[in-house]
Amino acid sequence: MDPALYLRKNFKNPFGRPWMTTYGAAAPANSNKGLKGIIAGGITGGIEICITFPTEYVKTQLQLDGKGAEKKYTGIWDCAKKTVQGHGFFGLYRGLSVLLYGSIPKSAVRFGAFEQFKNHAVDSQGNLSPGMRVLCGLGAGIAEAILAVTPMETVKVKFINDQRSANPRFKGFFHGTSLIIKEEGFKGVYQGLSATILKQGSNQAIRFFVMETMKDAYRGGDNNAHVPKYLVGVFGAVAGAASVFGNTPLDVVKTRMQGLEAARYKNTLDCAVQIWKHEGPAAFYKGTVPRLGRVCLDVAITFMIYDSFMDVFNKVWP
């Protein structure tokens, strides 16, 4: 064989970029999806929590409320009215800073993880099977539970619980967090981890499954078809409602495990047993109505904002 011909056929440029053979001059579009998801998710989380926090506050108060003589509120409106009377309108925003600090990384981890898992799970046509939708959502929920949600939720619940006492001790986010760590150690901000993993994992498995299934049905199998933002909001509200009815019992147990009286429970299972024994099965659905209102609005807003940012990123950031 002619030596020149052999070199032309077999020589590999050590400075070459292997993706150019398949994709041309640019890297594959999906290579940045995880990072785009993290940034878009973080921005989305900050905006969403500022809109929906009062319903989260009321839901947590009702879940912490005892039974009989210890019971402080008769329902949603009574809780909201007494909070405003005792602490002013912004009493409904007590603990917002905790969630604001936590919602940005929480949402960033959730969407970044989902996009990363999805990127590896789609088939050759870019489609995600129903089973993989559940698994990708489950993985995203577990990731956010460990990296962001557990410490954020623990501190938030302790803040709201502290306000219920006659002499609140927490003066602010950093003061309260430092006091918790000083008195209880680092585990003081990581209470209810197993319950949170169960809650967030099932939450996101349900939400992403419903959302991806409804969007796929609308697109008719065409991944490039545009889904109007108002429909994304409707699909998000349905996904949020499905997750509420699916895992509110886990949310109640998680809240109790993260409250200031968590020491009365040996573990997550003991907490669930004691609630069932002393308050009955209906206690596992405390706060369902305010949670339903918050979550439906929350998930609808979240997916609409997230999709809007991803649309922008995909145009300006190939």
C-alpha atoms as a PDB file:
ATOM      1  CA  MET A   1       0.000   0.000   0.000  1.00  0.00           C
ATOM      2  CA  ASP A   2       1.135   3.524  -0.761  1.00  0.00           C
ATOM      3  CA  PRO A   3       2.539   4.985   2.560  1.00  0.00           C
ATOM      4  CA  ALA A   4       0.851   8.351   1.953  1.00  0.00           C
ATOM      5  CA  LEU A   5      -2.539   6.671   1.429  1.00  0.00           C
ATOM      6  CA  TYR A   6      -2.072   4.578   4.601  1.00  0.00           C
ATOM      7  CA  LEU A   7      -1.299   7.689   6.675  1.00  0.00           C
ATOM      8  CA  ARG A   8      -4.352   9.542   5.352  1.00  0.00           C
ATOM      9  CA  LYS A   9      -6.613   6.624   6.337  1.00  0.00           C
ATOM     10  CA  ASN A  10      -5.159   5.837   9.748  1.00  0.00           C
ATOM     11  CA  PHE A  11      -3.756   9.089  11.138  1.00  0.00           C
ATOM     12  CA  LYS A  12      -5.738  10.460  14.129  1.00  0.00           C
ATOM     13  CA  ASN A  13      -5.303  14.076  15.135  1.00  0.00           C
ATOM     14  CA  PRO A  14      -4.324  14.099  18.833  1.00  0.00           C
ATOM     15  CA  PHE A  15      -5.942  17.547  19.167  1.00  0.00           C
ATOM     16  CA  GLY A  16      -9.197  16.495  17.529  1.00  0.00           C
ATOM     17  CA  ARG A  17     -12.650  16.523  19.135  1.00  0.00           C
ATOM     18  CA  PRO A  18     -14.271  13.071  18.771  1.00  0.00           C
ATOM     19  CA  TRP A  19     -17.853  14.363  18.839  1.00  0.00           C
ATOM     20  CA  MET A  20     -17.251  16.308  15.592  1.00  0.00           C
ATOM     21  CA  THR A  21     -17.376  13.088  13.575  1.00  0.00           C
ATOM     22  CA  THR A  22     -20.954  12.492  14.662  1.00  0.00           C
ATOM     23  CA  TYR A  23     -22.333  15.894  15.589  1.00  0.00           C
ATOM     24  CA  GLY A  24     -20.371  18.341  13.463  1.00  0.00           C
ATOM     25  CA  ALA A  25     -18.650  21.390  14.882  1.00  0.00           C
ATOM     26  CA  ALA A  26     -20.678  21.610  18.079  1.00  0.00           C
ATOM     27  CA  ALA A  27     -20.990  19.249  21.021  1.00  0.00           C
ATOM     28  CA  PRO A  28     -24.305  17.406  21.390  1.00  0.00           C
ATOM     29  CA  ALA A  29     -27.086  19.680  22.622  1.00  0.00           C
ATOM     30  CA  ASN A  30     -27.831  17.455  25.603  1.00  0.00           C
ATOM     31  CA  SER A  31     -24.298  17.744  26.979  1.00  0.00           C
ATOM     32  CA  ASN A  32     -25.261  20.886  28.925  1.00  0.00           C
ATOM     33  CA  LYS A  33     -28.749  19.806  29.982  1.00  0.00           C
ATOM     34  CA  GLY A  34     -27.771  18.920  33.537  1.00  0.00           C
ATOM     35  CA  LEU A  35     -26.087  22.297  34.089  1.00  0.00           C
ATOM     36  CA  LYS A  36     -28.975  24.148  32.441  1.00  0.00           C
ATOM     37  CA  GLY A  37     -31.355  22.266  34.733  1.00  0.00           C
ATOM     38  CA  ILE A  38     -29.365  23.278  37.827  1.00  0.00           C
ATOM     39  CA  ILE A  39     -29.382  26.995  36.935  1.00  0.00           C
ATOM     40  CA  ALA A  40     -32.990  27.114  35.697  1.00  0.00           C
ATOM     41  CA  GLY A  41     -34.123  25.071  38.702  1.00  0.00           C
ATOM     42  CA  GLY A  42     -32.342  27.354  41.179  1.00  0.00           C
ATOM     43  CA  ILE A  43     -33.939  30.505  39.763  1.00  0.00           C
ATOM     44  CA  THR A  44     -37.329  28.781  39.667  1.00  0.00           C
ATOM     45  CA  GLY A  45     -37.078  27.691  43.306  1.00  0.00           C
ATOM     46  CA  GLY A  46     -36.427  31.212  44.579  1.00  0.00           C
ATOM     47  CA  ILE A  47     -39.375  32.719  42.686  1.00  0.00           C
ATOM     48  CA  GLU A  48     -41.799  29.926  43.557  1.00  0.00           C
ATOM     49  CA  ILE A  49     -41.288  29.919  47.326  1.00  0.00           C
ATOM     50  CA  CYS A  50     -41.860  33.681  47.606  1.00  0.00           C
ATOM     51  CA  ILE A  51     -45.300  33.170  46.042  1.00  0.00           C
ATOM     52  CA  THR A  52     -46.469  30.085  47.932  1.00  0.00           C
ATOM     53  CA  PHE A  53     -44.927  30.303  51.422  1.00  0.00           C
ATOM     54  CA  PRO A  54     -48.041  31.370  53.452  1.00  0.00           C
ATOM     55  CA  THR A  55     -49.847  28.130  52.533  1.00  0.00           C
ATOM     56  CA  GLU A  56     -46.757  26.135  53.544  1.00  0.00           C
ATOM     57  CA  TYR A  57     -46.743  27.963  56.891  1.00  0.00           C
ATOM     58  CA  VAL A  58     -50.406  27.179  57.621  1.00  0.00           C
ATOM     59  CA  LYS A  59     -49.993  23.546  56.550  1.00  0.00           C
ATOM     60  CA  THR A  60     -47.050  23.063  58.915  1.00  0.00           C
ATOM     61  CA  GLN A  61     -48.885  24.707  61.818  1.00  0.00           C
ATOM     62  CA  LEU A  62     -51.875  22.373  61.363  1.00  0.00           C
ATOM     63  CA  GLN A  63     -49.637  19.309  61.154  1.00  0.00           C
ATOM     64  CA  LEU A  64     -47.864  20.305  64.381  1.00  0.00           C
ATOM     65  CA  ASP A  65     -51.174  20.966  66.132  1.00  0.00           C
ATOM     66  CA  GLY A  66     -51.999  18.472  68.886  1.00  0.00           C
ATOM     67  CA  LYS A  67     -55.272  16.942  69.923  1.00  0.00           C
ATOM     68  CA  GLY A  68     -57.874  17.862  72.566  1.00  0.00           C
ATOM     69  CA  ALA A  69     -56.746  20.489  75.074  1.00  0.00           C
ATOM     70  CA  GLU A  70     -53.470  21.016  73.205  1.00  0.00           C
ATOM     71  CA  LYS A  71     -55.221  21.881  69.960  1.00  0.00           C
ATOM     72  CA  LYS A  72     -54.808  25.573  69.042  1.00  0.00           C
ATOM     73  CA  TYR A  73     -56.572  25.848  65.687  1.00  0.00           C
ATOM     74  CA  THR A  74     -59.959  24.735  64.375  1.00  0.00           C
ATOM     75  CA  GLY A  75     -58.940  24.871  60.734  1.00  0.00           C
ATOM     76  CA  ILE A  76     -57.108  26.684  57.942  1.00  0.00           C
ATOM     77  CA  TRP A  77     -58.746  30.096  58.268  1.00  0.00           C
ATOM     78  CA  ASP A  78     -58.576  30.022  62.059  1.00  0.00           C
ATOM     79  CA  CYS A  79     -54.844  29.342  61.871  1.00  0.00           C
ATOM     80  CA  ALA A  80     -54.280  32.145  59.357  1.00  0.00           C
ATOM     81  CA  LYS A  81     -56.464  34.606  61.343  1.00  0.00           C
ATOM     82  CA  LYS A  82     -54.771  33.900  64.681  1.00  0.00           C
ATOM     83  CA  THR A  83     -51.326  34.178  63.112  1.00  0.00           C
ATOM     84  CA  VAL A  84     -52.130  37.580  61.579  1.00  0.00           C
ATOM     85  CA  GLN A  85     -53.740  38.789  64.829  1.00  0.00           C
ATOM     86  CA  GLY A  86     -50.783  37.702  66.928  1.00  0.00           C
ATOM     87  CA  HIS A  87     -47.872  38.487  64.625  1.00  0.00           C
ATOM     88  CA  GLY A  88     -49.220  40.669  61.817  1.00  0.00           C
ATOM     89  CA  PHE A  89     -49.547  39.742  58.134  1.00  0.00           C
ATOM     90  CA  PHE A  90     -45.847  38.947  57.851  1.00  0.00           C
ATOM     91  CA  GLY A  91     -46.288  36.363  60.598  1.00  0.00           C
ATOM     92  CA  LEU A  92     -47.430  34.127  57.729  1.00  0.00           C
ATOM     93  CA  TYR A  93     -43.902  34.523  56.324  1.00  0.00           C
ATOM     94  CA  ARG A  94     -42.096  33.444  59.510  1.00  0.00           C
ATOM     95  CA  GLY A  95     -39.391  31.018  58.411  1.00  0.00           C
ATOM     96  CA  LEU A  96     -39.366  32.267  54.790  1.00  0.00           C
ATOM     97  CA  SER A  97     -35.647  33.002  54.930  1.00  0.00           C
ATOM     98  CA  VAL A  98     -35.000  29.374  55.808  1.00  0.00           C
ATOM     99  CA  LEU A  99     -36.946  28.128  52.809  1.00  0.00           C
ATOM    100  CA  LEU A 100     -35.540  30.816  50.536  1.00  0.00           C
ATOM    101  CA  TYR A 101     -31.981  29.797  51.408  1.00  0.00           C
ATOM    102  CA  GLY A 102     -32.953  26.177  50.872  1.00  0.00           C
ATOM    103  CA  SER A 103     -35.379  26.340  47.933  1.00  0.00           C
ATOM    104  CA  ILE A 104     -32.782  27.569  45.472  1.00  0.00           C
ATOM    105  CA  PRO A 105     -30.378  24.623  45.966  1.00  0.00           C
ATOM    106  CA  LYS A 106     -33.309  22.211  46.431  1.00  0.00           C
ATOM    107  CA  SER A 107     -34.864  23.068  43.086  1.00  0.00           C
ATOM    108  CA  ALA A 108     -31.449  23.216  41.435  1.00  0.00           C
ATOM    109  CA  VAL A 109     -30.586  19.702  42.646  1.00  0.00           C
ATOM    110  CA  ARG A 110     -34.022  18.336  41.722  1.00  0.00           C
ATOM    111  CA  PHE A 111     -34.112  19.539  38.124  1.00  0.00           C
ATOM    112  CA  GLY A 112     -30.390  19.137  37.524  1.00  0.00           C
ATOM    113  CA  ALA A 113     -30.517  15.532  38.738  1.00  0.00           C
ATOM    114  CA  PHE A 114     -33.663  14.771  36.729  1.00  0.00           C
ATOM    115  CA  GLU A 115     -32.178  16.176  33.515  1.00  0.00           C
ATOM    116  CA  GLN A 116     -28.971  14.213  34.108  1.00  0.00           C
ATOM    117  CA  PHE A 117     -30.806  10.946  34.802  1.00  0.00           C
ATOM    118  CA  LYS A 118     -33.154  11.562  31.868  1.00  0.00           C
ATOM    119  CA  ASN A 119     -30.221  12.243  29.547  1.00  0.00           C
ATOM    120  CA  HIS A 120     -28.881   8.750  30.293  1.00  0.00           C
ATOM    121  CA  ALA A 121     -32.269   6.997  30.285  1.00  0.00           C
ATOM    122  CA  VAL A 122     -33.864   8.108  26.984  1.00  0.00           C
ATOM    123  CA  ASP A 123     -33.966   5.669  24.079  1.00  0.00           C
ATOM    124  CA  SER A 124     -32.494   6.246  20.619  1.00  0.00           C
ATOM    125  CA  GLN A 125     -35.553   8.329  19.668  1.00  0.00           C
ATOM    126  CA  GLY A 126     -35.186  10.576  22.709  1.00  0.00           C
ATOM    127  CA  ASN A 127     -38.221   9.062  24.461  1.00  0.00           C
ATOM    128  CA  LEU A 128     -38.434   8.198  28.162  1.00  0.00           C
ATOM    129  CA  SER A 129     -40.358   5.023  29.026  1.00  0.00           C
ATOM    130  CA  PRO A 130     -43.007   5.140  31.801  1.00  0.00           C
ATOM    131  CA  GLY A 131     -40.801   3.073  34.105  1.00  0.00           C
ATOM    132  CA  MET A 132     -37.810   5.346  33.544  1.00  0.00           C
ATOM    133  CA  ARG A 133     -39.954   8.430  34.215  1.00  0.00           C
ATOM    134  CA  VAL A 134     -40.677   7.043  37.672  1.00  0.00           C
ATOM    135  CA  LEU A 135     -37.038   6.079  38.309  1.00  0.00           C
ATOM    136  CA  CYS A 136     -35.638   9.424  37.122  1.00  0.00           C
ATOM    137  CA  GLY A 137     -38.143  11.285  39.306  1.00  0.00           C
ATOM    138  CA  LEU A 138     -37.327   9.000  42.244  1.00  0.00           C
ATOM    139  CA  GLY A 139     -33.604   9.625  41.805  1.00  0.00           C
ATOM    140  CA  ALA A 140     -34.164  13.395  41.637  1.00  0.00           C
ATOM    141  CA  GLY A 141     -36.247  13.289  44.826  1.00  0.00           C
ATOM    142  CA  ILE A 142     -33.683  11.258  46.747  1.00  0.00           C
ATOM    143  CA  ALA A 143     -30.874  13.578  45.621  1.00  0.00           C
ATOM    144  CA  GLU A 144     -32.718  16.703  46.783  1.00  0.00           C
ATOM    145  CA  ALA A 145     -33.740  15.036  50.066  1.00  0.00           C
ATOM    146  CA  ILE A 146     -30.147  14.284  51.012  1.00  0.00           C
ATOM    147  CA  LEU A 147     -28.413  17.385  49.681  1.00  0.00           C
ATOM    148  CA  ALA A 148     -30.936  20.126  50.433  1.00  0.00           C
ATOM    149  CA  VAL A 149     -34.403  19.286  51.722  1.00  0.00           C
ATOM    150  CA  THR A 150     -33.692  17.550  55.046  1.00  0.00           C
ATOM    151  CA  PRO A 151     -31.609  20.322  56.677  1.00  0.00           C
ATOM    152  CA  MET A 152     -33.828  23.030  55.191  1.00  0.00           C
ATOM    153  CA  GLU A 153     -37.088  21.400  56.303  1.00  0.00           C
ATOM    154  CA  THR A 154     -35.766  20.565  59.760  1.00  0.00           C
ATOM    155  CA  VAL A 155     -34.774  24.158  60.451  1.00  0.00           C
ATOM    156  CA  LYS A 156     -38.030  25.479  58.922  1.00  0.00           C
ATOM    157  CA  VAL A 157     -40.206  23.222  61.084  1.00  0.00           C
ATOM    158  CA  LYS A 158     -38.228  24.127  64.222  1.00  0.00           C
ATOM    159  CA  PHE A 159     -38.646  27.838  63.411  1.00  0.00           C
ATOM    160  CA  ILE A 160     -42.412  27.520  62.986  1.00  0.00           C
ATOM    161  CA  ASN A 161     -42.612  25.275  66.052  1.00  0.00           C
ATOM    162  CA  ASP A 162     -40.616  27.860  68.050  1.00  0.00           C
ATOM    163  CA  GLN A 163     -43.150  30.558  67.188  1.00  0.00           C
ATOM    164  CA  ARG A 164     -45.886  28.443  68.786  1.00  0.00           C
ATOM    165  CA  SER A 165     -44.160  28.632  72.181  1.00  0.00           C
ATOM    166  CA  ALA A 166     -44.884  31.372  74.731  1.00  0.00           C
ATOM    167  CA  ASN A 167     -41.322  32.706  74.525  1.00  0.00           C
ATOM    168  CA  PRO A 168     -39.824  32.211  71.038  1.00  0.00           C
ATOM    169  CA  ARG A 169     -36.035  31.849  71.179  1.00  0.00           C
ATOM    170  CA  PHE A 170     -34.960  32.065  67.532  1.00  0.00           C
ATOM    171  CA  LYS A 171     -34.144  35.623  66.473  1.00  0.00           C
ATOM    172  CA  GLY A 172     -33.327  34.852  62.864  1.00  0.00           C
ATOM    173  CA  PHE A 173     -32.079  32.195  60.467  1.00  0.00           C
ATOM    174  CA  PHE A 174     -28.419  32.180  61.481  1.00  0.00           C
ATOM    175  CA  HIS A 175     -29.142  32.629  65.195  1.00  0.00           C
ATOM    176  CA  GLY A 176     -31.711  29.832  65.182  1.00  0.00           C
ATOM    177  CA  THR A 177     -29.572  27.442  63.145  1.00  0.00           C
ATOM    178  CA  SER A 178     -26.497  28.034  65.317  1.00  0.00           C
ATOM    179  CA  LEU A 179     -28.606  27.473  68.456  1.00  0.00           C
ATOM    180  CA  ILE A 180     -29.988  24.200  67.101  1.00  0.00           C
ATOM    181  CA  ILE A 181     -26.499  22.933  66.204  1.00  0.00           C
ATOM    182  CA  LYS A 182     -25.101  24.067  69.576  1.00  0.00           C
ATOM    183  CA  GLU A 183     -27.795  22.243  71.539  1.00  0.00           C
ATOM    184  CA  GLU A 184     -28.372  19.173  69.377  1.00  0.00           C
ATOM    185  CA  GLY A 185     -25.257  18.865  67.261  1.00  0.00           C
ATOM    186  CA  PHE A 186     -25.167  18.561  63.472  1.00  0.00           C
ATOM    187  CA  LYS A 187     -27.822  15.844  63.614  1.00  0.00           C
ATOM    188  CA  GLY A 188     -30.174  18.549  64.894  1.00  0.00           C
ATOM    189  CA  VAL A 189     -30.538  19.857  61.344  1.00  0.00           C
ATOM    190  CA  TYR A 190     -30.689  16.358  59.829  1.00  0.00           C
ATOM    191  CA  GLN A 191     -33.637  14.903  61.700  1.00  0.00           C
ATOM    192  CA  GLY A 192     -36.168  12.870  59.746  1.00  0.00           C
ATOM    193  CA  LEU A 193     -33.748  12.012  56.919  1.00  0.00           C
ATOM    194  CA  SER A 194     -35.321   8.631  56.152  1.00  0.00           C
ATOM    195  CA  ALA A 195     -38.850  10.101  56.224  1.00  0.00           C
ATOM    196  CA  THR A 196     -37.711  12.952  53.969  1.00  0.00           C
ATOM    197  CA  ILE A 197     -36.110  10.561  51.481  1.00  0.00           C
ATOM    198  CA  LEU A 198     -39.364   8.576  51.357  1.00  0.00           C
ATOM    199  CA  LYS A 199     -41.416  11.747  50.979  1.00  0.00           C
ATOM    200  CA  GLN A 200     -39.273  13.506  48.373  1.00  0.00           C
ATOM    201  CA  GLY A 201     -38.547  10.336  46.430  1.00  0.00           C
ATOM    202  CA  SER A 202     -42.239   9.457  46.117  1.00  0.00           C
ATOM    203  CA  ASN A 203     -43.115  13.131  45.526  1.00  0.00           C
ATOM    204  CA  GLN A 204     -40.873  13.565  42.528  1.00  0.00           C
ATOM    205  CA  ALA A 205     -41.496  10.061  41.181  1.00  0.00           C
ATOM    206  CA  ILE A 206     -45.233  10.866  41.037  1.00  0.00           C
ATOM    207  CA  ARG A 207     -44.834  14.443  39.780  1.00  0.00           C
ATOM    208  CA  PHE A 208     -42.330  13.792  37.009  1.00  0.00           C
ATOM    209  CA  PHE A 209     -44.191  10.650  35.910  1.00  0.00           C
ATOM    210  CA  VAL A 210     -47.508  12.526  35.605  1.00  0.00           C
ATOM    211  CA  MET A 211     -45.918  15.605  34.021  1.00  0.00           C
ATOM    212  CA  GLU A 212     -43.816  13.696  31.464  1.00  0.00           C
ATOM    213  CA  THR A 213     -46.726  11.366  30.628  1.00  0.00           C
ATOM    214  CA  MET A 214     -49.177  14.222  30.027  1.00  0.00           C
ATOM    215  CA  LYS A 215     -46.675  16.226  27.976  1.00  0.00           C
ATOM    216  CA  ASP A 216     -45.832  13.127  25.915  1.00  0.00           C
ATOM    217  CA  ALA A 217     -49.536  12.444  25.294  1.00  0.00           C
ATOM    218  CA  TYR A 218     -50.060  16.046  24.120  1.00  0.00           C
ATOM    219  CA  ARG A 219     -47.038  15.907  21.796  1.00  0.00           C
ATOM    220  CA  GLY A 220     -48.175  12.611  20.302  1.00  0.00           C
ATOM    221  CA  GLY A 221     -44.669  11.167  20.392  1.00  0.00           C
ATOM    222  CA  ASP A 222     -43.062  14.187  18.695  1.00  0.00           C
ATOM    223  CA  ASN A 223     -40.395  15.405  21.149  1.00  0.00           C
ATOM    224  CA  ASN A 224     -39.981  18.656  19.206  1.00  0.00           C
ATOM    225  CA  ALA A 225     -43.662  19.635  19.475  1.00  0.00           C
ATOM    226  CA  HIS A 226     -44.246  22.757  21.596  1.00  0.00           C
ATOM    227  CA  VAL A 227     -46.409  22.465  24.723  1.00  0.00           C
ATOM    228  CA  PRO A 228     -48.116  25.815  25.568  1.00  0.00           C
ATOM    229  CA  LYS A 229     -47.131  27.213  28.961  1.00  0.00           C
ATOM    230  CA  TYR A 230     -50.717  27.341  30.228  1.00  0.00           C
ATOM    231  CA  LEU A 231     -50.989  23.595  29.564  1.00  0.00           C
ATOM    232  CA  VAL A 232     -47.692  23.021  31.354  1.00  0.00           C
ATOM    233  CA  GLY A 233     -49.287  24.799  34.320  1.00  0.00           C
ATOM    234  CA  VAL A 234     -52.412  22.611  34.134  1.00  0.00           C
ATOM    235  CA  PHE A 235     -50.300  19.444  33.895  1.00  0.00           C
ATOM    236  CA  GLY A 236     -48.226  20.666  36.849  1.00  0.00           C
ATOM    237  CA  ALA A 237     -51.333  21.231  38.992  1.00  0.00           C
ATOM    238  CA  VAL A 238     -52.548  17.695  38.220  1.00  0.00           C
ATOM    239  CA  ALA A 239     -49.103  16.280  39.029  1.00  0.00           C
ATOM    240  CA  GLY A 240     -49.051  18.227  42.301  1.00  0.00           C
ATOM    241  CA  ALA A 241     -52.499  16.962  43.331  1.00  0.00           C
ATOM    242  CA  ALA A 242     -51.482  13.373  42.576  1.00  0.00           C
ATOM    243  CA  SER A 243     -48.391  13.707  44.781  1.00  0.00           C
ATOM    244  CA  VAL A 244     -50.407  15.203  47.667  1.00  0.00           C
ATOM    245  CA  PHE A 245     -52.893  12.355  47.796  1.00  0.00           C
ATOM    246  CA  GLY A 246     -50.082   9.863  47.302  1.00  0.00           C
ATOM    247  CA  ASN A 247     -47.752  10.910  50.117  1.00  0.00           C
ATOM    248  CA  THR A 248     -49.349  13.274  52.666  1.00  0.00           C
ATOM    249  CA  PRO A 249     -49.029  10.574  55.406  1.00  0.00           C
ATOM    250  CA  LEU A 250     -45.257  10.586  54.845  1.00  0.00           C
ATOM    251  CA  ASP A 251     -45.268  14.384  54.990  1.00  0.00           C
ATOM    252  CA  VAL A 252     -47.054  14.359  58.373  1.00  0.00           C
ATOM    253  CA  VAL A 253     -44.562  11.851  59.824  1.00  0.00           C
ATOM    254  CA  LYS A 254     -41.642  13.870  58.423  1.00  0.00           C
ATOM    255  CA  THR A 255     -42.986  17.073  59.984  1.00  0.00           C
ATOM    256  CA  ARG A 256     -43.401  15.444  63.403  1.00  0.00           C
ATOM    257  CA  MET A 257     -39.882  13.974  63.216  1.00  0.00           C
ATOM    258  CA  GLN A 258     -38.428  17.416  62.502  1.00  0.00           C
ATOM    259  CA  GLY A 259     -40.368  19.369  65.160  1.00  0.00           C
ATOM    260  CA  LEU A 260     -39.059  20.477  68.537  1.00  0.00           C
ATOM    261  CA  GLU A 261     -40.743  17.455  70.160  1.00  0.00           C
ATOM    262  CA  ALA A 262     -39.077  14.916  67.873  1.00  0.00           C
ATOM    263  CA  ALA A 263     -37.261  13.372  70.883  1.00  0.00           C
ATOM    264  CA  ARG A 264     -40.504  11.689  71.959  1.00  0.00           C
ATOM    265  CA  TYR A 265     -40.211   9.373  68.951  1.00  0.00           C
ATOM    266  CA  LYS A 266     -37.617   6.592  68.687  1.00  0.00           C
ATOM    267  CA  ASN A 267     -37.539   6.670  64.886  1.00  0.00           C
ATOM    268  CA  THR A 268     -39.707   7.247  61.811  1.00  0.00           C
ATOM    269  CA  LEU A 269     -41.654   4.002  62.259  1.00  0.00           C
ATOM    270  CA  ASP A 270     -42.288   4.706  65.956  1.00  0.00           C
ATOM    271  CA  CYS A 271     -43.568   8.165  65.030  1.00  0.00           C
ATOM    272  CA  ALA A 272     -46.050   6.681  62.553  1.00  0.00           C
ATOM    273  CA  VAL A 273     -47.189   4.053  65.099  1.00  0.00           C
ATOM    274  CA  GLN A 274     -47.731   6.663  67.831  1.00  0.00           C
ATOM    275  CA  ILE A 275     -49.728   8.939  65.515  1.00  0.00           C
ATOM    276  CA  TRP A 276     -51.939   6.002  64.513  1.00  0.00           C
ATOM    277  CA  LYS A 277     -52.340   4.837  68.127  1.00  0.00           C
ATOM    278  CA  HIS A 278     -53.057   8.197  69.788  1.00  0.00           C
ATOM    279  CA  GLU A 279     -54.671  10.271  67.026  1.00  0.00           C
ATOM    280  CA  GLY A 280     -56.101   7.760  64.580  1.00  0.00           C
ATOM    281  CA  PRO A 281     -55.581   7.276  60.811  1.00  0.00           C
ATOM    282  CA  ALA A 282     -57.203  10.633  59.948  1.00  0.00           C
ATOM    283  CA  ALA A 283     -54.194  12.377  61.550  1.00  0.00           C
ATOM    284  CA  PHE A 284     -52.053  11.197  58.640  1.00  0.00           C
ATOM    285  CA  TYR A 285     -54.011  13.539  56.388  1.00  0.00           C
ATOM    286  CA  LYS A 286     -53.766  16.643  58.590  1.00  0.00           C
ATOM    287  CA  GLY A 287     -53.064  19.722  56.522  1.00  0.00           C
ATOM    288  CA  THR A 288     -54.138  18.031  53.273  1.00  0.00           C
ATOM    289  CA  VAL A 289     -56.344  20.913  52.087  1.00  0.00           C
ATOM    290  CA  PRO A 290     -53.775  23.714  52.591  1.00  0.00           C
ATOM    291  CA  ARG A 291     -51.067  21.405  51.240  1.00  0.00           C
ATOM    292  CA  LEU A 292     -53.230  20.642  48.201  1.00  0.00           C
ATOM    293  CA  GLY A 293     -53.691  24.345  47.500  1.00  0.00           C
ATOM    294  CA  ARG A 294     -50.006  25.093  47.987  1.00  0.00           C
ATOM    295  CA  VAL A 295     -48.647  22.115  46.069  1.00  0.00           C
ATOM    296  CA  CYS A 296     -50.934  22.467  43.038  1.00  0.00           C
ATOM    297  CA  LEU A 297     -50.010  26.153  42.743  1.00  0.00           C
ATOM    298  CA  ASP A 298     -46.383  25.392  43.567  1.00  0.00           C
ATOM    299  CA  VAL A 299     -45.906  22.633  40.979  1.00  0.00           C
ATOM    300  CA  ALA A 300     -47.848  24.504  38.286  1.00  0.00           C
ATOM    301  CA  ILE A 301     -45.748  27.659  38.788  1.00  0.00           C
ATOM    302  CA  THR A 302     -42.519  25.690  39.110  1.00  0.00           C
ATOM    303  CA  PHE A 303     -42.887  23.779  35.844  1.00  0.00           C
ATOM    304  CA  MET A 304     -44.083  26.860  33.936  1.00  0.00           C
ATOM    305  CA  ILE A 305     -41.133  28.972  35.121  1.00  0.00           C
ATOM    306  CA  TYR A 306     -38.675  26.120  34.670  1.00  0.00           C
ATOM    307  CA  ASP A 307     -39.855  25.361  31.124  1.00  0.00           C
ATOM    308  CA  SER A 308     -39.649  29.074  30.245  1.00  0.00           C
ATOM    309  CA  PHE A 309     -36.043  29.344  31.447  1.00  0.00           C
ATOM    310  CA  MET A 310     -35.080  26.109  29.681  1.00  0.00           C
ATOM    311  CA  ASP A 311     -36.595  27.458  26.438  1.00  0.00           C
ATOM    312  CA  VAL A 312     -34.473  30.595  26.772  1.00  0.00           C
ATOM    313  CA  PHE A 313     -31.331  28.627  27.663  1.00  0.00           C
ATOM    314  CA  ASN A 314     -31.803  26.289  24.715  1.00  0.00           C
ATOM    315  CA  LYS A 315     -31.946  29.290  22.369  1.00  0.00           C
ATOM    316  CA  VAL A 316     -28.957  31.237  23.716  1.00  0.00           C
ATOM    317  CA  TRP A 317     -26.888  28.347  25.124  1.00  0.00           C
ATOM    318  CA  PRO A 318     -26.560  25.510  22.601  1.00  0.00           C
END
